[in-house]
Structures are given as C-alpha cells and as structure tokens.
C-alpha cells in the first residue's frame, strides 16, 4: 500500500477543493492517499482540524476531479480516519474510525474507483472507548510485530500465514485477513480479533487463544441454557449445573439462577456468556448480575499446581 502525505499532495488538495465546492476547509487541512501502487484509483482522506476527517474514493488519484465523497453515517464531528489495510487488486480496505469520547470503530470499504462505500463491522464485546490497532497481517508470512516478531502469538499462528478459525482451528489466511486488538478495561484474550473475508463477507471474530487459559482454573459453570422473555428474546442464561467448590460456587451462584450480564455486558446467548467469562485471566475478578438485580463477585483462580501451595 502506498501512503502519500504532506506537501506532495498540495496540488491534489487544490484541485479537490475546486471540484467540490461544498468541502470548505481551512489552509491547515491535509490530504492522505491510500493506494496500492501509486497509480490508478485509490482512497483519499481529507484531515480537517476540529471538524474531522472526510473520505473520498477516486477513480484516478492523479485526477482528483474524479473523486467521490463517501458518507460515514452515525459518526460525529472531529472523527479521525485511517486505513489499516488496502488490498492490492480490489483496493478493498479495513478503515479505522476514531470517534472522540465514544472510541474506535472498524469499517470495510469497497470500490474506490466506482461507487465507493463503507460498512461498519460488528466487534463482539467492544465496550466504549475501545482503541483498535492492527497487530500484523496474517497473509504475508511475517512474524508478529506487536511482540517483537515472536512470542505466544507466533506459536498460535504456527509461525506462518494463518488465522484462527472456528473452535480454535487454524485456517489458511487470505489477503486482507488480519489480527486486530482492542484496548479493553481488563487485560486478556478478549482484546484479540481475527478479521477475515474482506473481499466478500467481512467479519471479525473474537479469538481466545488457549495459552491465555493455561494457569486458570475452570470457573465452574458446567451447564447453562438460554433464558428468554415472553417475546422469545434472550435475556440471559440460566445456570443448570455448577461444579461444587468452584469459583462460581464460592461466589454463591446457585443452580436455577438467571444471569443477565457479566461486568456490565448484557448476555446475548449462551456462547456469548462463555466468551465473556473466558476473557479474565487467573487472579482477576468480575461481577455477574442476576435477573433480580443482585451482583455476585467471582474471582478467577489459578490451577492448584500453579498456586505454590496456597
């Protein structure tokens, strides 16, 4: 991806303002081009102080009068835009949208040369103020750069171009696949997503590598079932079976209890509940809320062999 910024784009800025009278910006505005080879079509971001960034899709980046404005709904002024990746052939891209006070969002953008558009990608467990960062692309064969080119993530990916698939399976990665981390309120695997299928049906799946859970004792929820209201909508999970002496048992969670949220996150279904409680490493605590409003504190414990006899 070619990223051009600074004075080299002054001519582009001039022409773009001339061709689009509605884009009234000050002299301190700047432009940034995201293209795969510096020729042909590409994306242009207009950085406008105070007001926020604007996105354009261009049929020819050398002729900015062929650029089309791309509206990004639901976002507020002062939004910052930045592409995390642009695919070489199709020029589809992962776009990071930074919204003041609210946090970061991820969008998939298509067709800069003809009918440019962007769609928001749902990130499971994304709380307010989350900051999104690309860790490394999974398709170029490079080792992870976030931890110096190695570490547990390199081992998880098998040292090669792969991304975790459903149920922890390793699938061959495609161009456009990437790892995405989110800075959440607790450390742990909840902050890692596997983003794939940019060219067709883009998705980012919350990924929980097993190595995060090595020293963590099972919390004790042996079986839960989805609890629905009178309209058939899931309101939480009902505890069907619980392990005696477990962290959940010691927190006074009982069979028959209906849990509606974990640390403030409303429970969407049983799989969502399992993902929520899996985010906390050993020695951390979280709260579960019952349907009667009571809150119970659960402390995640280490496995006995890792407790040093405590």
C-alpha atoms as a PDB file:
ATOM      1  CA  UNK A   1       0.000   0.000   0.000  1.00  0.00           C
ATOM      2  CA  UNK A   2       1.311   3.413  -0.973  1.00  0.00           C
ATOM      3  CA  UNK A   3       0.593   6.126   1.577  1.00  0.00           C
ATOM      4  CA  UNK A   4       1.334   9.663   0.420  1.00  0.00           C
ATOM      5  CA  UNK A   5       1.141  12.657   2.704  1.00  0.00           C
ATOM      6  CA  UNK A   6       2.416  16.201   3.172  1.00  0.00           C
ATOM      7  CA  UNK A   7       3.401  18.806   0.613  1.00  0.00           C
ATOM      8  CA  UNK A   8       3.375  16.318  -2.263  1.00  0.00           C
ATOM      9  CA  UNK A   9      -0.415  16.493  -2.107  1.00  0.00           C
ATOM     10  CA  UNK A  10      -0.830  20.273  -2.194  1.00  0.00           C
ATOM     11  CA  UNK A  11      -1.855  20.172  -5.846  1.00  0.00           C
ATOM     12  CA  UNK A  12      -4.374  17.432  -5.078  1.00  0.00           C
ATOM     13  CA  UNK A  13      -5.825  19.481  -2.247  1.00  0.00           C
ATOM     14  CA  UNK A  14      -6.238  22.491  -4.511  1.00  0.00           C
ATOM     15  CA  UNK A  15      -7.973  20.518  -7.242  1.00  0.00           C
ATOM     16  CA  UNK A  16     -10.221  18.650  -4.845  1.00  0.00           C
ATOM     17  CA  UNK A  17     -11.459  21.863  -3.270  1.00  0.00           C
ATOM     18  CA  UNK A  18     -12.061  23.338  -6.700  1.00  0.00           C
ATOM     19  CA  UNK A  19     -14.105  20.366  -7.867  1.00  0.00           C
ATOM     20  CA  UNK A  20     -16.178  20.129  -4.670  1.00  0.00           C
ATOM     21  CA  UNK A  21     -17.439  23.498  -3.560  1.00  0.00           C
ATOM     22  CA  UNK A  22     -19.258  22.023  -0.559  1.00  0.00           C
ATOM     23  CA  UNK A  23     -15.987  20.901   1.036  1.00  0.00           C
ATOM     24  CA  UNK A  24     -14.980  24.158   2.710  1.00  0.00           C
ATOM     25  CA  UNK A  25     -11.798  23.569   4.647  1.00  0.00           C
ATOM     26  CA  UNK A  26      -9.059  25.766   6.067  1.00  0.00           C
ATOM     27  CA  UNK A  27      -5.488  26.185   4.910  1.00  0.00           C
ATOM     28  CA  UNK A  28      -4.274  23.850   7.653  1.00  0.00           C
ATOM     29  CA  UNK A  29      -6.096  20.860   6.151  1.00  0.00           C
ATOM     30  CA  UNK A  30      -4.046  17.960   4.827  1.00  0.00           C
ATOM     31  CA  UNK A  31      -4.650  15.053   2.494  1.00  0.00           C
ATOM     32  CA  UNK A  32      -3.528  11.433   2.649  1.00  0.00           C
ATOM     33  CA  UNK A  33      -3.696   8.963  -0.240  1.00  0.00           C
ATOM     34  CA  UNK A  34      -4.070   5.227   0.280  1.00  0.00           C
ATOM     35  CA  UNK A  35      -3.390   3.348  -2.944  1.00  0.00           C
ATOM     36  CA  UNK A  36      -1.800   0.016  -3.793  1.00  0.00           C
ATOM     37  CA  UNK A  37       0.732   1.199  -6.375  1.00  0.00           C
ATOM     38  CA  UNK A  38       0.560   4.996  -6.605  1.00  0.00           C
ATOM     39  CA  UNK A  39      -1.227   4.804  -9.951  1.00  0.00           C
ATOM     40  CA  UNK A  40      -4.878   4.401 -10.882  1.00  0.00           C
ATOM     41  CA  UNK A  41      -7.616   4.537  -8.272  1.00  0.00           C
ATOM     42  CA  UNK A  42      -7.376   4.795  -4.516  1.00  0.00           C
ATOM     43  CA  UNK A  43      -8.687   6.321  -1.314  1.00  0.00           C
ATOM     44  CA  UNK A  44      -8.113   9.897  -0.166  1.00  0.00           C
ATOM     45  CA  UNK A  45      -8.606  11.094   3.404  1.00  0.00           C
ATOM     46  CA  UNK A  46      -9.001  14.819   3.969  1.00  0.00           C
ATOM     47  CA  UNK A  47      -7.817  15.668   7.507  1.00  0.00           C
ATOM     48  CA  UNK A  48      -9.702  18.752   8.669  1.00  0.00           C
ATOM     49  CA  UNK A  49      -8.772  20.184  12.094  1.00  0.00           C
ATOM     50  CA  UNK A  50     -11.671  20.465  14.574  1.00  0.00           C
ATOM     51  CA  UNK A  51     -14.284  19.461  12.012  1.00  0.00           C
ATOM     52  CA  UNK A  52     -12.952  15.936  11.409  1.00  0.00           C
ATOM     53  CA  UNK A  53     -11.821  13.749   8.506  1.00  0.00           C
ATOM     54  CA  UNK A  54     -13.567  13.163   5.194  1.00  0.00           C
ATOM     55  CA  UNK A  55     -13.202  10.092   2.959  1.00  0.00           C
ATOM     56  CA  UNK A  56     -13.100  10.089  -0.839  1.00  0.00           C
ATOM     57  CA  UNK A  57     -12.964   7.255  -3.368  1.00  0.00           C
ATOM     58  CA  UNK A  58     -11.051   8.173  -6.503  1.00  0.00           C
ATOM     59  CA  UNK A  59     -11.166   6.607  -9.960  1.00  0.00           C
ATOM     60  CA  UNK A  60      -7.734   8.089 -10.668  1.00  0.00           C
ATOM     61  CA  UNK A  61      -5.622   9.555  -7.886  1.00  0.00           C
ATOM     62  CA  UNK A  62      -3.777  11.697 -10.434  1.00  0.00           C
ATOM     63  CA  UNK A  63      -7.084  13.326 -11.416  1.00  0.00           C
ATOM     64  CA  UNK A  64      -8.781  14.337  -8.199  1.00  0.00           C
ATOM     65  CA  UNK A  65     -11.779  15.715 -10.060  1.00  0.00           C
ATOM     66  CA  UNK A  66     -12.738  12.028 -10.381  1.00  0.00           C
ATOM     67  CA  UNK A  67     -13.120  11.580  -6.619  1.00  0.00           C
ATOM     68  CA  UNK A  68     -16.453  10.804  -4.959  1.00  0.00           C
ATOM     69  CA  UNK A  69     -17.252  11.671  -1.330  1.00  0.00           C
ATOM     70  CA  UNK A  70     -18.046   8.662   0.896  1.00  0.00           C
ATOM     71  CA  UNK A  71     -20.522   9.455   3.710  1.00  0.00           C
ATOM     72  CA  UNK A  72     -19.896   7.681   7.007  1.00  0.00           C
ATOM     73  CA  UNK A  73     -23.198   7.713   8.927  1.00  0.00           C
ATOM     74  CA  UNK A  74     -23.571   7.622  12.707  1.00  0.00           C
ATOM     75  CA  UNK A  75     -20.276   9.377  13.402  1.00  0.00           C
ATOM     76  CA  UNK A  76     -19.740  12.796  14.936  1.00  0.00           C
ATOM     77  CA  UNK A  77     -17.537  15.784  14.026  1.00  0.00           C
ATOM     78  CA  UNK A  78     -13.801  15.542  14.777  1.00  0.00           C
ATOM     79  CA  UNK A  79     -13.756  11.890  13.668  1.00  0.00           C
ATOM     80  CA  UNK A  80     -10.301  10.618  12.619  1.00  0.00           C
ATOM     81  CA  UNK A  81      -9.902   8.144   9.743  1.00  0.00           C
ATOM     82  CA  UNK A  82      -7.036   5.809   8.927  1.00  0.00           C
ATOM     83  CA  UNK A  83      -6.733   2.690   6.749  1.00  0.00           C
ATOM     84  CA  UNK A  84      -5.271  -0.358   8.471  1.00  0.00           C
ATOM     85  CA  UNK A  85      -5.026  -2.244   5.172  1.00  0.00           C
ATOM     86  CA  UNK A  86      -5.788  -1.793   1.467  1.00  0.00           C
ATOM     87  CA  UNK A  87      -5.852  -4.892  -0.764  1.00  0.00           C
ATOM     88  CA  UNK A  88      -3.678  -4.690  -3.871  1.00  0.00           C
ATOM     89  CA  UNK A  89      -6.134  -5.826  -6.542  1.00  0.00           C
ATOM     90  CA  UNK A  90      -9.616  -4.813  -5.412  1.00  0.00           C
ATOM     91  CA  UNK A  91      -8.447  -1.923  -3.165  1.00  0.00           C
ATOM     92  CA  UNK A  92     -10.941  -3.032  -0.531  1.00  0.00           C
ATOM     93  CA  UNK A  93      -9.722  -1.806   2.833  1.00  0.00           C
ATOM     94  CA  UNK A  94     -10.126  -2.016   6.594  1.00  0.00           C
ATOM     95  CA  UNK A  95     -10.823   1.526   7.832  1.00  0.00           C
ATOM     96  CA  UNK A  96     -10.324   2.579  11.465  1.00  0.00           C
ATOM     97  CA  UNK A  97     -12.723   5.313  12.588  1.00  0.00           C
ATOM     98  CA  UNK A  98     -11.769   7.163  15.769  1.00  0.00           C
ATOM     99  CA  UNK A  99     -14.692   8.962  17.386  1.00  0.00           C
ATOM    100  CA  UNK A 100     -13.988  11.310  20.321  1.00  0.00           C
ATOM    101  CA  UNK A 101     -15.421  10.181  23.673  1.00  0.00           C
ATOM    102  CA  UNK A 102     -17.020   7.112  22.051  1.00  0.00           C
ATOM    103  CA  UNK A 103     -13.927   5.149  20.884  1.00  0.00           C
ATOM    104  CA  UNK A 104     -12.781   3.368  17.728  1.00  0.00           C
ATOM    105  CA  UNK A 105     -14.881   1.569  15.135  1.00  0.00           C
ATOM    106  CA  UNK A 106     -13.911  -0.677  12.219  1.00  0.00           C
ATOM    107  CA  UNK A 107     -15.342  -0.430   8.711  1.00  0.00           C
ATOM    108  CA  UNK A 108     -14.819  -2.371   5.486  1.00  0.00           C
ATOM    109  CA  UNK A 109     -14.583  -0.102   2.422  1.00  0.00           C
ATOM    110  CA  UNK A 110     -15.025  -1.086  -1.217  1.00  0.00           C
ATOM    111  CA  UNK A 111     -14.804   0.159  -4.799  1.00  0.00           C
ATOM    112  CA  UNK A 112     -12.902   3.462  -4.547  1.00  0.00           C
ATOM    113  CA  UNK A 113     -12.929   3.731  -8.350  1.00  0.00           C
ATOM    114  CA  UNK A 114     -16.677   3.290  -8.835  1.00  0.00           C
ATOM    115  CA  UNK A 115     -19.420   3.747  -6.242  1.00  0.00           C
ATOM    116  CA  UNK A 116     -17.218   3.805  -3.123  1.00  0.00           C
ATOM    117  CA  UNK A 117     -18.899   2.654   0.097  1.00  0.00           C
ATOM    118  CA  UNK A 118     -18.058   1.583   3.637  1.00  0.00           C
ATOM    119  CA  UNK A 119     -19.903  -0.674   6.082  1.00  0.00           C
ATOM    120  CA  UNK A 120     -19.432  -0.933   9.848  1.00  0.00           C
ATOM    121  CA  UNK A 121     -18.108  -4.228  11.239  1.00  0.00           C
ATOM    122  CA  UNK A 122     -19.582  -5.517  14.470  1.00  0.00           C
ATOM    123  CA  UNK A 123     -16.946  -6.332  17.096  1.00  0.00           C
ATOM    124  CA  UNK A 124     -18.264  -8.596  19.841  1.00  0.00           C
ATOM    125  CA  UNK A 125     -17.578  -7.286  23.355  1.00  0.00           C
ATOM    126  CA  UNK A 126     -16.489  -3.873  22.094  1.00  0.00           C
ATOM    127  CA  UNK A 127     -17.047  -1.537  25.062  1.00  0.00           C
ATOM    128  CA  UNK A 128     -16.963   2.280  24.948  1.00  0.00           C
ATOM    129  CA  UNK A 129     -13.578   3.925  24.455  1.00  0.00           C
ATOM    130  CA  UNK A 130     -12.032   0.845  22.834  1.00  0.00           C
ATOM    131  CA  UNK A 131      -8.906   1.626  20.806  1.00  0.00           C
ATOM    132  CA  UNK A 132      -8.316  -0.593  17.774  1.00  0.00           C
ATOM    133  CA  UNK A 133      -4.874  -1.493  16.411  1.00  0.00           C
ATOM    134  CA  UNK A 134      -3.740  -3.906  13.693  1.00  0.00           C
ATOM    135  CA  UNK A 135      -1.216  -6.293  15.213  1.00  0.00           C
ATOM    136  CA  UNK A 136       0.083  -7.812  11.986  1.00  0.00           C
ATOM    137  CA  UNK A 137      -1.297  -9.085   8.667  1.00  0.00           C
ATOM    138  CA  UNK A 138      -1.762 -12.831   8.669  1.00  0.00           C
ATOM    139  CA  UNK A 139      -1.167 -13.353   4.954  1.00  0.00           C
ATOM    140  CA  UNK A 140       2.380 -12.102   4.278  1.00  0.00           C
ATOM    141  CA  UNK A 141       4.246 -14.810   6.183  1.00  0.00           C
ATOM    142  CA  UNK A 142       5.812 -12.297   8.552  1.00  0.00           C
ATOM    143  CA  UNK A 143       6.157 -12.945  12.261  1.00  0.00           C
ATOM    144  CA  UNK A 144       4.020 -10.831  14.576  1.00  0.00           C
ATOM    145  CA  UNK A 145       5.426  -7.350  15.035  1.00  0.00           C
ATOM    146  CA  UNK A 146       3.474  -6.444  18.170  1.00  0.00           C
ATOM    147  CA  UNK A 147       5.689  -8.537  20.433  1.00  0.00           C
ATOM    148  CA  UNK A 148       8.997  -8.174  18.621  1.00  0.00           C
ATOM    149  CA  UNK A 149       8.421 -10.829  15.990  1.00  0.00           C
ATOM    150  CA  UNK A 150       7.773 -13.808  18.258  1.00  0.00           C
ATOM    151  CA  UNK A 151       6.086 -14.759  21.475  1.00  0.00           C
ATOM    152  CA  UNK A 152       2.969 -16.787  22.107  1.00  0.00           C
ATOM    153  CA  UNK A 153       1.032 -15.326  19.190  1.00  0.00           C
ATOM    154  CA  UNK A 154       3.652 -16.580  16.753  1.00  0.00           C
ATOM    155  CA  UNK A 155       3.258 -20.036  18.235  1.00  0.00           C
ATOM    156  CA  UNK A 156      -0.522 -19.812  17.999  1.00  0.00           C
ATOM    157  CA  UNK A 157      -0.363 -18.975  14.303  1.00  0.00           C
ATOM    158  CA  UNK A 158       2.134 -21.758  13.673  1.00  0.00           C
ATOM    159  CA  UNK A 159       4.791 -19.243  12.654  1.00  0.00           C
ATOM    160  CA  UNK A 160       3.166 -18.792   9.249  1.00  0.00           C
ATOM    161  CA  UNK A 161       0.330 -17.085   7.401  1.00  0.00           C
ATOM    162  CA  UNK A 162      -2.668 -18.413   9.267  1.00  0.00           C
ATOM    163  CA  UNK A 163      -5.630 -17.132  11.205  1.00  0.00           C
ATOM    164  CA  UNK A 164      -7.632 -18.965  13.876  1.00  0.00           C
ATOM    165  CA  UNK A 165     -10.871 -20.384  12.607  1.00  0.00           C
ATOM    166  CA  UNK A 166     -13.992 -21.514  14.446  1.00  0.00           C
ATOM    167  CA  UNK A 167     -13.364 -23.513  17.627  1.00  0.00           C
ATOM    168  CA  UNK A 168      -9.663 -22.664  17.541  1.00  0.00           C
ATOM    169  CA  UNK A 169      -8.941 -24.334  14.192  1.00  0.00           C
ATOM    170  CA  UNK A 170      -6.155 -22.885  12.068  1.00  0.00           C
ATOM    171  CA  UNK A 171      -7.243 -21.928   8.561  1.00  0.00           C
ATOM    172  CA  UNK A 172      -5.131 -20.651   5.659  1.00  0.00           C
ATOM    173  CA  UNK A 173      -5.239 -16.886   5.644  1.00  0.00           C
ATOM    174  CA  UNK A 174      -6.197 -14.812   2.623  1.00  0.00           C
ATOM    175  CA  UNK A 175      -5.024 -11.408   1.551  1.00  0.00           C
ATOM    176  CA  UNK A 176      -6.890  -8.913   3.653  1.00  0.00           C
ATOM    177  CA  UNK A 177      -7.019 -11.119   6.749  1.00  0.00           C
ATOM    178  CA  UNK A 178      -5.535  -9.511   9.836  1.00  0.00           C
ATOM    179  CA  UNK A 179      -5.279  -9.607  13.598  1.00  0.00           C
ATOM    180  CA  UNK A 180      -6.970  -6.726  15.399  1.00  0.00           C
ATOM    181  CA  UNK A 181      -6.516  -5.862  19.071  1.00  0.00           C
ATOM    182  CA  UNK A 182      -8.752  -3.692  21.228  1.00  0.00           C
ATOM    183  CA  UNK A 183      -7.594  -1.967  24.387  1.00  0.00           C
ATOM    184  CA  UNK A 184     -10.307  -3.021  26.811  1.00  0.00           C
ATOM    185  CA  UNK A 185     -10.722  -2.389  30.522  1.00  0.00           C
ATOM    186  CA  UNK A 186      -9.141  -5.701  31.506  1.00  0.00           C
ATOM    187  CA  UNK A 187      -6.065  -7.436  30.074  1.00  0.00           C
ATOM    188  CA  UNK A 188      -6.524 -10.782  28.446  1.00  0.00           C
ATOM    189  CA  UNK A 189      -7.567 -12.550  25.251  1.00  0.00           C
ATOM    190  CA  UNK A 190     -10.777 -10.557  24.868  1.00  0.00           C
ATOM    191  CA  UNK A 191      -8.749  -7.876  23.107  1.00  0.00           C
ATOM    192  CA  UNK A 192      -7.866 -10.029  20.094  1.00  0.00           C
ATOM    193  CA  UNK A 193      -9.943 -10.450  16.931  1.00  0.00           C
ATOM    194  CA  UNK A 194      -9.331 -12.451  13.764  1.00  0.00           C
ATOM    195  CA  UNK A 195     -10.608 -10.344  10.853  1.00  0.00           C
ATOM    196  CA  UNK A 196     -11.172 -12.112   7.552  1.00  0.00           C
ATOM    197  CA  UNK A 197     -13.218 -12.286   4.332  1.00  0.00           C
ATOM    198  CA  UNK A 198     -12.666  -8.625   3.465  1.00  0.00           C
ATOM    199  CA  UNK A 199     -13.460  -9.275  -0.204  1.00  0.00           C
ATOM    200  CA  UNK A 200     -16.825 -10.942   0.396  1.00  0.00           C
ATOM    201  CA  UNK A 201     -18.484 -11.052   3.823  1.00  0.00           C
ATOM    202  CA  UNK A 202     -16.102  -9.260   6.198  1.00  0.00           C
ATOM    203  CA  UNK A 203     -16.159 -10.335   9.835  1.00  0.00           C
ATOM    204  CA  UNK A 204     -14.009 -10.031  12.934  1.00  0.00           C
ATOM    205  CA  UNK A 205     -14.297 -12.950  15.337  1.00  0.00           C
ATOM    206  CA  UNK A 206     -13.337 -12.682  18.987  1.00  0.00           C
ATOM    207  CA  UNK A 207     -10.434 -15.064  19.436  1.00  0.00           C
ATOM    208  CA  UNK A 208      -9.398 -16.604  22.738  1.00  0.00           C
ATOM    209  CA  UNK A 209      -6.083 -18.482  22.415  1.00  0.00           C
ATOM    210  CA  UNK A 210      -5.789 -21.451  24.762  1.00  0.00           C
ATOM    211  CA  UNK A 211      -2.425 -20.275  26.103  1.00  0.00           C
ATOM    212  CA  UNK A 212      -4.179 -17.464  27.996  1.00  0.00           C
ATOM    213  CA  UNK A 213      -6.100 -20.075  29.989  1.00  0.00           C
ATOM    214  CA  UNK A 214      -3.230 -22.406  30.886  1.00  0.00           C
ATOM    215  CA  UNK A 215      -2.976 -21.388  34.545  1.00  0.00           C
ATOM    216  CA  UNK A 216      -6.678 -20.650  35.015  1.00  0.00           C
ATOM    217  CA  UNK A 217      -8.947 -22.957  36.941  1.00  0.00           C
ATOM    218  CA  UNK A 218     -12.334 -23.654  35.403  1.00  0.00           C
ATOM    219  CA  UNK A 219     -14.816 -21.147  36.812  1.00  0.00           C
ATOM    220  CA  UNK A 220     -17.389 -23.845  37.395  1.00  0.00           C
ATOM    221  CA  UNK A 221     -20.339 -23.253  35.049  1.00  0.00           C
ATOM    222  CA  UNK A 222     -20.818 -26.849  33.916  1.00  0.00           C
ATOM    223  CA  UNK A 223     -24.067 -26.183  32.034  1.00  0.00           C
ATOM    224  CA  UNK A 224     -26.140 -23.113  31.210  1.00  0.00           C
ATOM    225  CA  UNK A 225     -29.167 -22.598  28.976  1.00  0.00           C
ATOM    226  CA  UNK A 226     -30.578 -19.503  27.324  1.00  0.00           C
ATOM    227  CA  UNK A 227     -33.359 -17.727  29.239  1.00  0.00           C
ATOM    228  CA  UNK A 228     -35.995 -15.943  27.133  1.00  0.00           C
ATOM    229  CA  UNK A 229     -38.721 -13.473  27.995  1.00  0.00           C
ATOM    230  CA  UNK A 230     -42.381 -13.541  26.948  1.00  0.00           C
ATOM    231  CA  UNK A 231     -41.480 -12.267  23.482  1.00  0.00           C
ATOM    232  CA  UNK A 232     -38.945 -15.018  22.919  1.00  0.00           C
ATOM    233  CA  UNK A 233     -35.933 -12.709  23.277  1.00  0.00           C
ATOM    234  CA  UNK A 234     -32.857 -13.925  25.137  1.00  0.00           C
ATOM    235  CA  UNK A 235     -32.403 -12.036  28.407  1.00  0.00           C
ATOM    236  CA  UNK A 236     -29.542 -14.103  29.820  1.00  0.00           C
ATOM    237  CA  UNK A 237     -28.600 -17.652  30.805  1.00  0.00           C
ATOM    238  CA  UNK A 238     -29.977 -19.982  33.448  1.00  0.00           C
ATOM    239  CA  UNK A 239     -27.455 -21.990  35.493  1.00  0.00           C
ATOM    240  CA  UNK A 240     -28.322 -25.686  35.025  1.00  0.00           C
ATOM    241  CA  UNK A 241     -25.283 -27.275  36.691  1.00  0.00           C
ATOM    242  CA  UNK A 242     -22.359 -25.927  38.668  1.00  0.00           C
ATOM    243  CA  UNK A 243     -19.153 -27.507  39.950  1.00  0.00           C
ATOM    244  CA  UNK A 244     -19.020 -27.843  43.715  1.00  0.00           C
ATOM    245  CA  UNK A 245     -16.205 -25.852  45.309  1.00  0.00           C
ATOM    246  CA  UNK A 246     -15.541 -23.861  42.119  1.00  0.00           C
ATOM    247  CA  UNK A 247     -15.105 -20.081  41.920  1.00  0.00           C
ATOM    248  CA  UNK A 248     -18.731 -19.684  40.838  1.00  0.00           C
ATOM    249  CA  UNK A 249     -19.912 -21.897  43.717  1.00  0.00           C
ATOM    250  CA  UNK A 250     -17.873 -19.926  46.262  1.00  0.00           C
ATOM    251  CA  UNK A 251     -19.403 -16.708  44.871  1.00  0.00           C
ATOM    252  CA  UNK A 252     -22.865 -18.080  45.837  1.00  0.00           C
ATOM    253  CA  UNK A 253     -24.035 -18.681  42.274  1.00  0.00           C
ATOM    254  CA  UNK A 254     -26.708 -21.364  42.505  1.00  0.00           C
ATOM    255  CA  UNK A 255     -28.474 -23.764  40.154  1.00  0.00           C
ATOM    256  CA  UNK A 256     -31.566 -22.021  38.812  1.00  0.00           C
ATOM    257  CA  UNK A 257     -30.047 -18.533  38.955  1.00  0.00           C
ATOM    258  CA  UNK A 258     -30.589 -16.435  35.818  1.00  0.00           C
ATOM    259  CA  UNK A 259     -27.564 -14.343  34.884  1.00  0.00           C
ATOM    260  CA  UNK A 260     -28.241 -11.288  32.716  1.00  0.00           C
ATOM    261  CA  UNK A 261     -24.833  -9.593  32.454  1.00  0.00           C
ATOM    262  CA  UNK A 262     -21.102 -10.029  33.076  1.00  0.00           C
ATOM    263  CA  UNK A 263     -19.288  -6.922  34.308  1.00  0.00           C
ATOM    264  CA  UNK A 264     -21.974  -4.763  32.716  1.00  0.00           C
ATOM    265  CA  UNK A 265     -22.068  -6.582  29.360  1.00  0.00           C
ATOM    266  CA  UNK A 266     -25.635  -7.829  28.673  1.00  0.00           C
ATOM    267  CA  UNK A 267     -25.589 -11.552  27.827  1.00  0.00           C
ATOM    268  CA  UNK A 268     -26.770 -12.187  24.250  1.00  0.00           C
ATOM    269  CA  UNK A 269     -26.794 -16.016  24.295  1.00  0.00           C
ATOM    270  CA  UNK A 270     -25.014 -18.989  25.862  1.00  0.00           C
ATOM    271  CA  UNK A 271     -21.970 -18.747  23.564  1.00  0.00           C
ATOM    272  CA  UNK A 272     -21.683 -15.053  24.290  1.00  0.00           C
ATOM    273  CA  UNK A 273     -21.732 -15.820  28.034  1.00  0.00           C
ATOM    274  CA  UNK A 274     -18.899 -18.339  27.653  1.00  0.00           C
ATOM    275  CA  UNK A 275     -16.875 -15.772  25.707  1.00  0.00           C
ATOM    276  CA  UNK A 276     -17.470 -13.133  28.354  1.00  0.00           C
ATOM    277  CA  UNK A 277     -16.283 -15.223  31.290  1.00  0.00           C
ATOM    278  CA  UNK A 278     -13.313 -16.548  29.294  1.00  0.00           C
ATOM    279  CA  UNK A 279     -11.784 -13.077  28.969  1.00  0.00           C
ATOM    280  CA  UNK A 280     -10.482 -12.921  32.563  1.00  0.00           C
ATOM    281  CA  UNK A 281      -7.110 -14.490  33.388  1.00  0.00           C
ATOM    282  CA  UNK A 282      -6.270 -16.062  36.745  1.00  0.00           C
ATOM    283  CA  UNK A 283      -6.397 -13.787  39.827  1.00  0.00           C
ATOM    284  CA  UNK A 284      -8.797 -11.310  38.170  1.00  0.00           C
ATOM    285  CA  UNK A 285     -12.369 -10.813  39.370  1.00  0.00           C
ATOM    286  CA  UNK A 286     -15.630  -9.949  37.640  1.00  0.00           C
ATOM    287  CA  UNK A 287     -19.285  -9.490  38.582  1.00  0.00           C
ATOM    288  CA  UNK A 288     -22.293 -11.395  37.324  1.00  0.00           C
ATOM    289  CA  UNK A 289     -25.713  -9.774  37.647  1.00  0.00           C
ATOM    290  CA  UNK A 290     -28.815 -11.813  38.364  1.00  0.00           C
ATOM    291  CA  UNK A 291     -32.259 -11.073  36.985  1.00  0.00           C
ATOM    292  CA  UNK A 292     -33.310  -9.823  40.429  1.00  0.00           C
ATOM    293  CA  UNK A 293     -30.606  -7.155  40.377  1.00  0.00           C
ATOM    294  CA  UNK A 294     -28.175  -8.878  42.753  1.00  0.00           C
ATOM    295  CA  UNK A 295     -24.489  -8.834  41.796  1.00  0.00           C
ATOM    296  CA  UNK A 296     -22.059 -11.594  42.710  1.00  0.00           C
ATOM    297  CA  UNK A 297     -18.268 -11.231  42.570  1.00  0.00           C
ATOM    298  CA  UNK A 298     -16.385 -14.155  41.042  1.00  0.00           C
ATOM    299  CA  UNK A 299     -12.617 -14.400  41.492  1.00  0.00           C
ATOM    300  CA  UNK A 300     -10.787 -16.328  38.767  1.00  0.00           C
ATOM    301  CA  UNK A 301      -8.414 -18.780  40.451  1.00  0.00           C
ATOM    302  CA  UNK A 302      -5.189 -20.413  39.367  1.00  0.00           C
ATOM    303  CA  UNK A 303      -4.968 -24.144  38.919  1.00  0.00           C
ATOM    304  CA  UNK A 304      -3.873 -25.831  42.158  1.00  0.00           C
ATOM    305  CA  UNK A 305      -0.486 -26.835  40.741  1.00  0.00           C
ATOM    306  CA  UNK A 306       0.251 -23.159  39.961  1.00  0.00           C
ATOM    307  CA  UNK A 307      -0.745 -21.813  43.374  1.00  0.00           C
ATOM    308  CA  UNK A 308       2.545 -22.644  45.057  1.00  0.00           C
ATOM    309  CA  UNK A 309       0.697 -24.444  47.814  1.00  0.00           C
ATOM    310  CA  UNK A 310      -1.612 -21.515  48.630  1.00  0.00           C
END
